[in-house]
Amino acid sequence: MKMLERLIVKAVIIQLLFLLAAQVLLHKYDVMPELKQLAQYEGVAKNSFEELLETFGGK
């Protein structure tokens, strides 16, 4: 059982390292500029808290 637990912990650590490396590549080095354009098009990167508050305030 300890061997299985060690393998799971190692797999989690490796996954975390790959996740961090992918985040650095995508955000710092701007590997996929299309992804940034898509986020701006969808409105994810925009701060639209005022519209949200207006929606809740109108009810």
PDB file of N, CA and C in Angstrom:
ATOM      1  N   MET A   1       0.816  -1.191   0.000  1.00  0.00           N
ATOM      2  CA  MET A   1       0.000   0.000   0.000  1.00  0.00           C
ATOM      3  C   MET A   1       0.865   1.262   0.000  1.00  0.00           C
ATOM      4  N   LYS A   2       1.982   1.227   0.735  1.00  0.00           N
ATOM      5  CA  LYS A   2       2.862   2.397   0.772  1.00  0.00           C
ATOM      6  C   LYS A   2       3.466   2.670  -0.602  1.00  0.00           C
ATOM      7  N   MET A   3       3.738   1.599  -1.347  1.00  0.00           N
ATOM      8  CA  MET A   3       4.301   1.774  -2.684  1.00  0.00           C
ATOM      9  C   MET A   3       3.303   2.493  -3.593  1.00  0.00           C
ATOM     10  N   LEU A   4       2.047   2.134  -3.497  1.00  0.00           N
ATOM     11  CA  LEU A   4       1.005   2.783  -4.288  1.00  0.00           C
ATOM     12  C   LEU A   4       0.859   4.251  -3.888  1.00  0.00           C
ATOM     13  N   GLU A   5       0.910   4.518  -2.605  1.00  0.00           N
ATOM     14  CA  GLU A   5       0.811   5.896  -2.130  1.00  0.00           C
ATOM     15  C   GLU A   5       1.980   6.737  -2.629  1.00  0.00           C
ATOM     16  N   ARG A   6       3.184   6.169  -2.620  1.00  0.00           N
ATOM     17  CA  ARG A   6       4.352   6.897  -3.133  1.00  0.00           C
ATOM     18  C   ARG A   6       4.201   7.189  -4.617  1.00  0.00           C
ATOM     19  N   LEU A   7       3.679   6.228  -5.370  1.00  0.00           N
ATOM     20  CA  LEU A   7       3.471   6.449  -6.799  1.00  0.00           C
ATOM     21  C   LEU A   7       2.435   7.547  -7.045  1.00  0.00           C
ATOM     22  N   ILE A   8       1.388   7.555  -6.249  1.00  0.00           N
ATOM     23  CA  ILE A   8       0.360   8.588  -6.404  1.00  0.00           C
ATOM     24  C   ILE A   8       0.925   9.965  -6.067  1.00  0.00           C
ATOM     25  N   VAL A   9       1.703  10.057  -5.008  1.00  0.00           N
ATOM     26  CA  VAL A   9       2.308  11.338  -4.628  1.00  0.00           C
ATOM     27  C   VAL A   9       3.263  11.809  -5.714  1.00  0.00           C
ATOM     28  N   LYS A  10       4.063  10.915  -6.266  1.00  0.00           N
ATOM     29  CA  LYS A  10       4.978  11.291  -7.346  1.00  0.00           C
ATOM     30  C   LYS A  10       4.210  11.751  -8.572  1.00  0.00           C
ATOM     31  N   ALA A  11       3.113  11.075  -8.899  1.00  0.00           N
ATOM     32  CA  ALA A  11       2.299  11.465 -10.051  1.00  0.00           C
ATOM     33  C   ALA A  11       1.688  12.850  -9.843  1.00  0.00           C
ATOM     34  N   VAL A  12       1.246  13.136  -8.627  1.00  0.00           N
ATOM     35  CA  VAL A  12       0.666  14.447  -8.329  1.00  0.00           C
ATOM     36  C   VAL A  12       1.725  15.532  -8.450  1.00  0.00           C
ATOM     37  N   ILE A  13       2.914  15.275  -7.961  1.00  0.00           N
ATOM     38  CA  ILE A  13       3.999  16.259  -8.043  1.00  0.00           C
ATOM     39  C   ILE A  13       4.381  16.512  -9.495  1.00  0.00           C
ATOM     40  N   ILE A  14       4.471  15.458 -10.285  1.00  0.00           N
ATOM     41  CA  ILE A  14       4.801  15.617 -11.704  1.00  0.00           C
ATOM     42  C   ILE A  14       3.714  16.408 -12.424  1.00  0.00           C
ATOM     43  N   GLN A  15       2.452  16.119 -12.131  1.00  0.00           N
ATOM     44  CA  GLN A  15       1.348  16.865 -12.737  1.00  0.00           C
ATOM     45  C   GLN A  15       1.411  18.342 -12.359  1.00  0.00           C
ATOM     46  N   LEU A  16       1.733  18.633 -11.112  1.00  0.00           N
ATOM     47  CA  LEU A  16       1.844  20.013 -10.660  1.00  0.00           C
ATOM     48  C   LEU A  16       2.968  20.741 -11.390  1.00  0.00           C
ATOM     49  N   LEU A  17       4.099  20.070 -11.565  1.00  0.00           N
ATOM     50  CA  LEU A  17       5.214  20.686 -12.282  1.00  0.00           C
ATOM     51  C   LEU A  17       4.852  20.974 -13.735  1.00  0.00           C
ATOM     52  N   PHE A  18       4.180  20.028 -14.390  1.00  0.00           N
ATOM     53  CA  PHE A  18       3.757  20.260 -15.768  1.00  0.00           C
ATOM     54  C   PHE A  18       2.722  21.381 -15.853  1.00  0.00           C
ATOM     55  N   LEU A  19       1.827  21.463 -14.880  1.00  0.00           N
ATOM     56  CA  LEU A  19       0.840  22.537 -14.860  1.00  0.00           C
ATOM     57  C   LEU A  19       1.516  23.894 -14.725  1.00  0.00           C
ATOM     58  N   LEU A  20       2.467  24.000 -13.814  1.00  0.00           N
ATOM     59  CA  LEU A  20       3.181  25.263 -13.624  1.00  0.00           C
ATOM     60  C   LEU A  20       3.982  25.645 -14.864  1.00  0.00           C
ATOM     61  N   ALA A  21       4.633  24.658 -15.484  1.00  0.00           N
ATOM     62  CA  ALA A  21       5.399  24.933 -16.701  1.00  0.00           C
ATOM     63  C   ALA A  21       4.481  25.405 -17.825  1.00  0.00           C
ATOM     64  N   ALA A  22       3.323  24.788 -17.963  1.00  0.00           N
ATOM     65  CA  ALA A  22       2.381  25.194 -19.007  1.00  0.00           C
ATOM     66  C   ALA A  22       1.860  26.603 -18.745  1.00  0.00           C
ATOM     67  N   GLN A  23       1.583  26.932 -17.487  1.00  0.00           N
ATOM     68  CA  GLN A  23       1.098  28.268 -17.161  1.00  0.00           C
ATOM     69  C   GLN A  23       2.155  29.324 -17.480  1.00  0.00           C
ATOM     70  N   VAL A  24       3.404  29.025 -17.163  1.00  0.00           N
ATOM     71  CA  VAL A  24       4.483  29.974 -17.461  1.00  0.00           C
ATOM     72  C   VAL A  24       4.624  30.149 -18.965  1.00  0.00           C
ATOM     73  N   LEU A  25       4.591  29.054 -19.707  1.00  0.00           N
ATOM     74  CA  LEU A  25       4.715  29.157 -21.159  1.00  0.00           C
ATOM     75  C   LEU A  25       3.561  29.938 -21.774  1.00  0.00           C
ATOM     76  N   LEU A  26       2.359  29.692 -21.312  1.00  0.00           N
ATOM     77  CA  LEU A  26       1.203  30.342 -21.917  1.00  0.00           C
ATOM     78  C   LEU A  26       1.085  31.811 -21.533  1.00  0.00           C
ATOM     79  N   HIS A  27       1.430  32.165 -20.311  1.00  0.00           N
ATOM     80  CA  HIS A  27       1.190  33.526 -19.857  1.00  0.00           C
ATOM     81  C   HIS A  27       2.415  34.429 -19.947  1.00  0.00           C
ATOM     82  N   LYS A  28       3.567  33.949 -19.537  1.00  0.00           N
ATOM     83  CA  LYS A  28       4.741  34.824 -19.519  1.00  0.00           C
ATOM     84  C   LYS A  28       5.357  34.973 -20.905  1.00  0.00           C
ATOM     85  N   TYR A  29       5.497  33.869 -21.621  1.00  0.00           N
ATOM     86  CA  TYR A  29       6.166  33.914 -22.914  1.00  0.00           C
ATOM     87  C   TYR A  29       5.192  34.078 -24.067  1.00  0.00           C
ATOM     88  N   ASP A  30       3.897  34.147 -23.780  1.00  0.00           N
ATOM     89  CA  ASP A  30       2.867  34.416 -24.780  1.00  0.00           C
ATOM     90  C   ASP A  30       2.990  33.475 -25.980  1.00  0.00           C
ATOM     91  N   VAL A  31       3.003  32.181 -25.692  1.00  0.00           N
ATOM     92  CA  VAL A  31       3.160  31.161 -26.726  1.00  0.00           C
ATOM     93  C   VAL A  31       1.963  31.145 -27.668  1.00  0.00           C
ATOM     94  N   MET A  32       0.762  31.315 -27.125  1.00  0.00           N
ATOM     95  CA  MET A  32      -0.449  31.304 -27.943  1.00  0.00           C
ATOM     96  C   MET A  32      -1.167  32.645 -27.810  1.00  0.00           C
ATOM     97  N   PRO A  33      -0.846  33.624 -28.640  1.00  0.00           N
ATOM     98  CA  PRO A  33      -1.533  34.920 -28.529  1.00  0.00           C
ATOM     99  C   PRO A  33      -3.023  34.818 -28.857  1.00  0.00           C
ATOM    100  N   GLU A  34      -3.416  33.775 -29.602  1.00  0.00           N
ATOM    101  CA  GLU A  34      -4.835  33.596 -29.918  1.00  0.00           C
ATOM    102  C   GLU A  34      -5.646  33.366 -28.652  1.00  0.00           C
ATOM    103  N   LEU A  35      -5.034  32.724 -27.663  1.00  0.00           N
ATOM    104  CA  LEU A  35      -5.723  32.456 -26.408  1.00  0.00           C
ATOM    105  C   LEU A  35      -6.054  33.754 -25.686  1.00  0.00           C
ATOM    106  N   LYS A  36      -5.136  34.716 -25.716  1.00  0.00           N
ATOM    107  CA  LYS A  36      -5.382  36.010 -25.085  1.00  0.00           C
ATOM    108  C   LYS A  36      -6.489  36.761 -25.823  1.00  0.00           C
ATOM    109  N   GLN A  37      -6.479  36.689 -27.161  1.00  0.00           N
ATOM    110  CA  GLN A  37      -7.527  37.347 -27.939  1.00  0.00           C
ATOM    111  C   GLN A  37      -8.883  36.716 -27.675  1.00  0.00           C
ATOM    112  N   LEU A  38      -8.921  35.406 -27.535  1.00  0.00           N
ATOM    113  CA  LEU A  38     -10.171  34.717 -27.257  1.00  0.00           C
ATOM    114  C   LEU A  38     -10.713  35.114 -25.891  1.00  0.00           C
ATOM    115  N   ALA A  39      -9.846  35.246 -24.903  1.00  0.00           N
ATOM    116  CA  ALA A  39     -10.282  35.652 -23.566  1.00  0.00           C
ATOM    117  C   ALA A  39     -10.836  37.070 -23.591  1.00  0.00           C
ATOM    118  N   GLN A  40     -10.226  37.945 -24.379  1.00  0.00           N
ATOM    119  CA  GLN A  40     -10.732  39.311 -24.480  1.00  0.00           C
ATOM    120  C   GLN A  40     -12.060  39.337 -25.222  1.00  0.00           C
ATOM    121  N   TYR A  41     -12.205  38.487 -26.233  1.00  0.00           N
ATOM    122  CA  TYR A  41     -13.454  38.430 -27.000  1.00  0.00           C
ATOM    123  C   TYR A  41     -14.596  37.916 -26.134  1.00  0.00           C
ATOM    124  N   GLU A  42     -14.314  36.916 -25.322  1.00  0.00           N
ATOM    125  CA  GLU A  42     -15.346  36.339 -24.467  1.00  0.00           C
ATOM    126  C   GLU A  42     -15.655  37.229 -23.267  1.00  0.00           C
ATOM    127  N   GLY A  43     -14.812  38.209 -22.982  1.00  0.00           N
ATOM    128  CA  GLY A  43     -15.056  39.104 -21.866  1.00  0.00           C
ATOM    129  C   GLY A  43     -14.535  38.588 -20.539  1.00  0.00           C
ATOM    130  N   VAL A  44     -13.677  37.584 -20.589  1.00  0.00           N
ATOM    131  CA  VAL A  44     -13.153  37.017 -19.349  1.00  0.00           C
ATOM    132  C   VAL A  44     -12.140  37.962 -18.716  1.00  0.00           C
ATOM    133  N   ALA A  45     -11.343  38.619 -19.535  1.00  0.00           N
ATOM    134  CA  ALA A  45     -10.276  39.464 -19.019  1.00  0.00           C
ATOM    135  C   ALA A  45     -10.776  40.853 -18.619  1.00  0.00           C
ATOM    136  N   LYS A  46     -12.017  41.162 -18.950  1.00  0.00           N
ATOM    137  CA  LYS A  46     -12.547  42.496 -18.681  1.00  0.00           C
ATOM    138  C   LYS A  46     -13.203  42.535 -17.299  1.00  0.00           C
ATOM    139  N   ASN A  47     -12.993  43.613 -16.583  1.00  0.00           N
ATOM    140  CA  ASN A  47     -13.652  43.783 -15.282  1.00  0.00           C
ATOM    141  C   ASN A  47     -15.037  44.367 -15.513  1.00  0.00           C
ATOM    142  N   SER A  48     -16.053  43.549 -15.356  1.00  0.00           N
ATOM    143  CA  SER A  48     -17.422  44.020 -15.581  1.00  0.00           C
ATOM    144  C   SER A  48     -18.250  43.838 -14.313  1.00  0.00           C
ATOM    145  N   PHE A  49     -17.692  44.219 -13.185  1.00  0.00           N
ATOM    146  CA  PHE A  49     -18.399  44.074 -11.922  1.00  0.00           C
ATOM    147  C   PHE A  49     -19.571  45.056 -11.829  1.00  0.00           C
ATOM    148  N   GLU A  50     -19.437  46.211 -12.475  1.00  0.00           N
ATOM    149  CA  GLU A  50     -20.501  47.211 -12.398  1.00  0.00           C
ATOM    150  C   GLU A  50     -21.775  46.692 -13.041  1.00  0.00           C
ATOM    151  N   GLU A  51     -21.647  46.036 -14.208  1.00  0.00           N
ATOM    152  CA  GLU A  51     -22.826  45.489 -14.873  1.00  0.00           C
ATOM    153  C   GLU A  51     -23.467  44.407 -14.012  1.00  0.00           C
ATOM    154  N   LEU A  52     -22.638  43.613 -13.356  1.00  0.00           N
ATOM    155  CA  LEU A  52     -23.154  42.561 -12.487  1.00  0.00           C
ATOM    156  C   LEU A  52     -23.918  43.167 -11.315  1.00  0.00           C
ATOM    157  N   LEU A  53     -23.366  44.218 -10.723  1.00  0.00           N
ATOM    158  CA  LEU A  53     -24.038  44.866  -9.602  1.00  0.00           C
ATOM    159  C   LEU A  53     -25.324  45.545 -10.047  1.00  0.00           C
ATOM    160  N   GLU A  54     -25.315  46.137 -11.259  1.00  0.00           N
ATOM    161  CA  GLU A  54     -26.534  46.756 -11.766  1.00  0.00           C
ATOM    162  C   GLU A  54     -27.617  45.715 -11.979  1.00  0.00           C
ATOM    163  N   THR A  55     -27.225  44.532 -12.424  1.00  0.00           N
ATOM    164  CA  THR A  55     -28.197  43.466 -12.651  1.00  0.00           C
ATOM    165  C   THR A  55     -28.827  43.029 -11.343  1.00  0.00           C
ATOM    166  N   PHE A  56     -28.012  42.847 -10.313  1.00  0.00           N
ATOM    167  CA  PHE A  56     -28.553  42.424  -9.027  1.00  0.00           C
ATOM    168  C   PHE A  56     -29.335  43.550  -8.350  1.00  0.00           C
ATOM    169  N   GLY A  57     -28.929  44.794  -8.564  1.00  0.00           N
ATOM    170  CA  GLY A  57     -29.615  45.914  -7.931  1.00  0.00           C
ATOM    171  C   GLY A  57     -30.987  46.175  -8.527  1.00  0.00           C
ATOM    172  N   GLY A  58     -31.215  45.760  -9.773  1.00  0.00           N
ATOM    173  CA  GLY A  58     -32.482  46.018 -10.441  1.00  0.00           C
ATOM    174  C   GLY A  58     -33.603  45.096 -10.020  1.00  0.00           C
ATOM    175  N   LYS A  59     -33.309  44.023  -9.333  1.00  0.00           N
ATOM    176  CA  LYS A  59     -34.361  43.054  -8.982  1.00  0.00           C
ATOM    177  C   LYS A  59     -35.175  43.483  -7.805  1.00  0.00           C
TER     178      LYS A  59
END
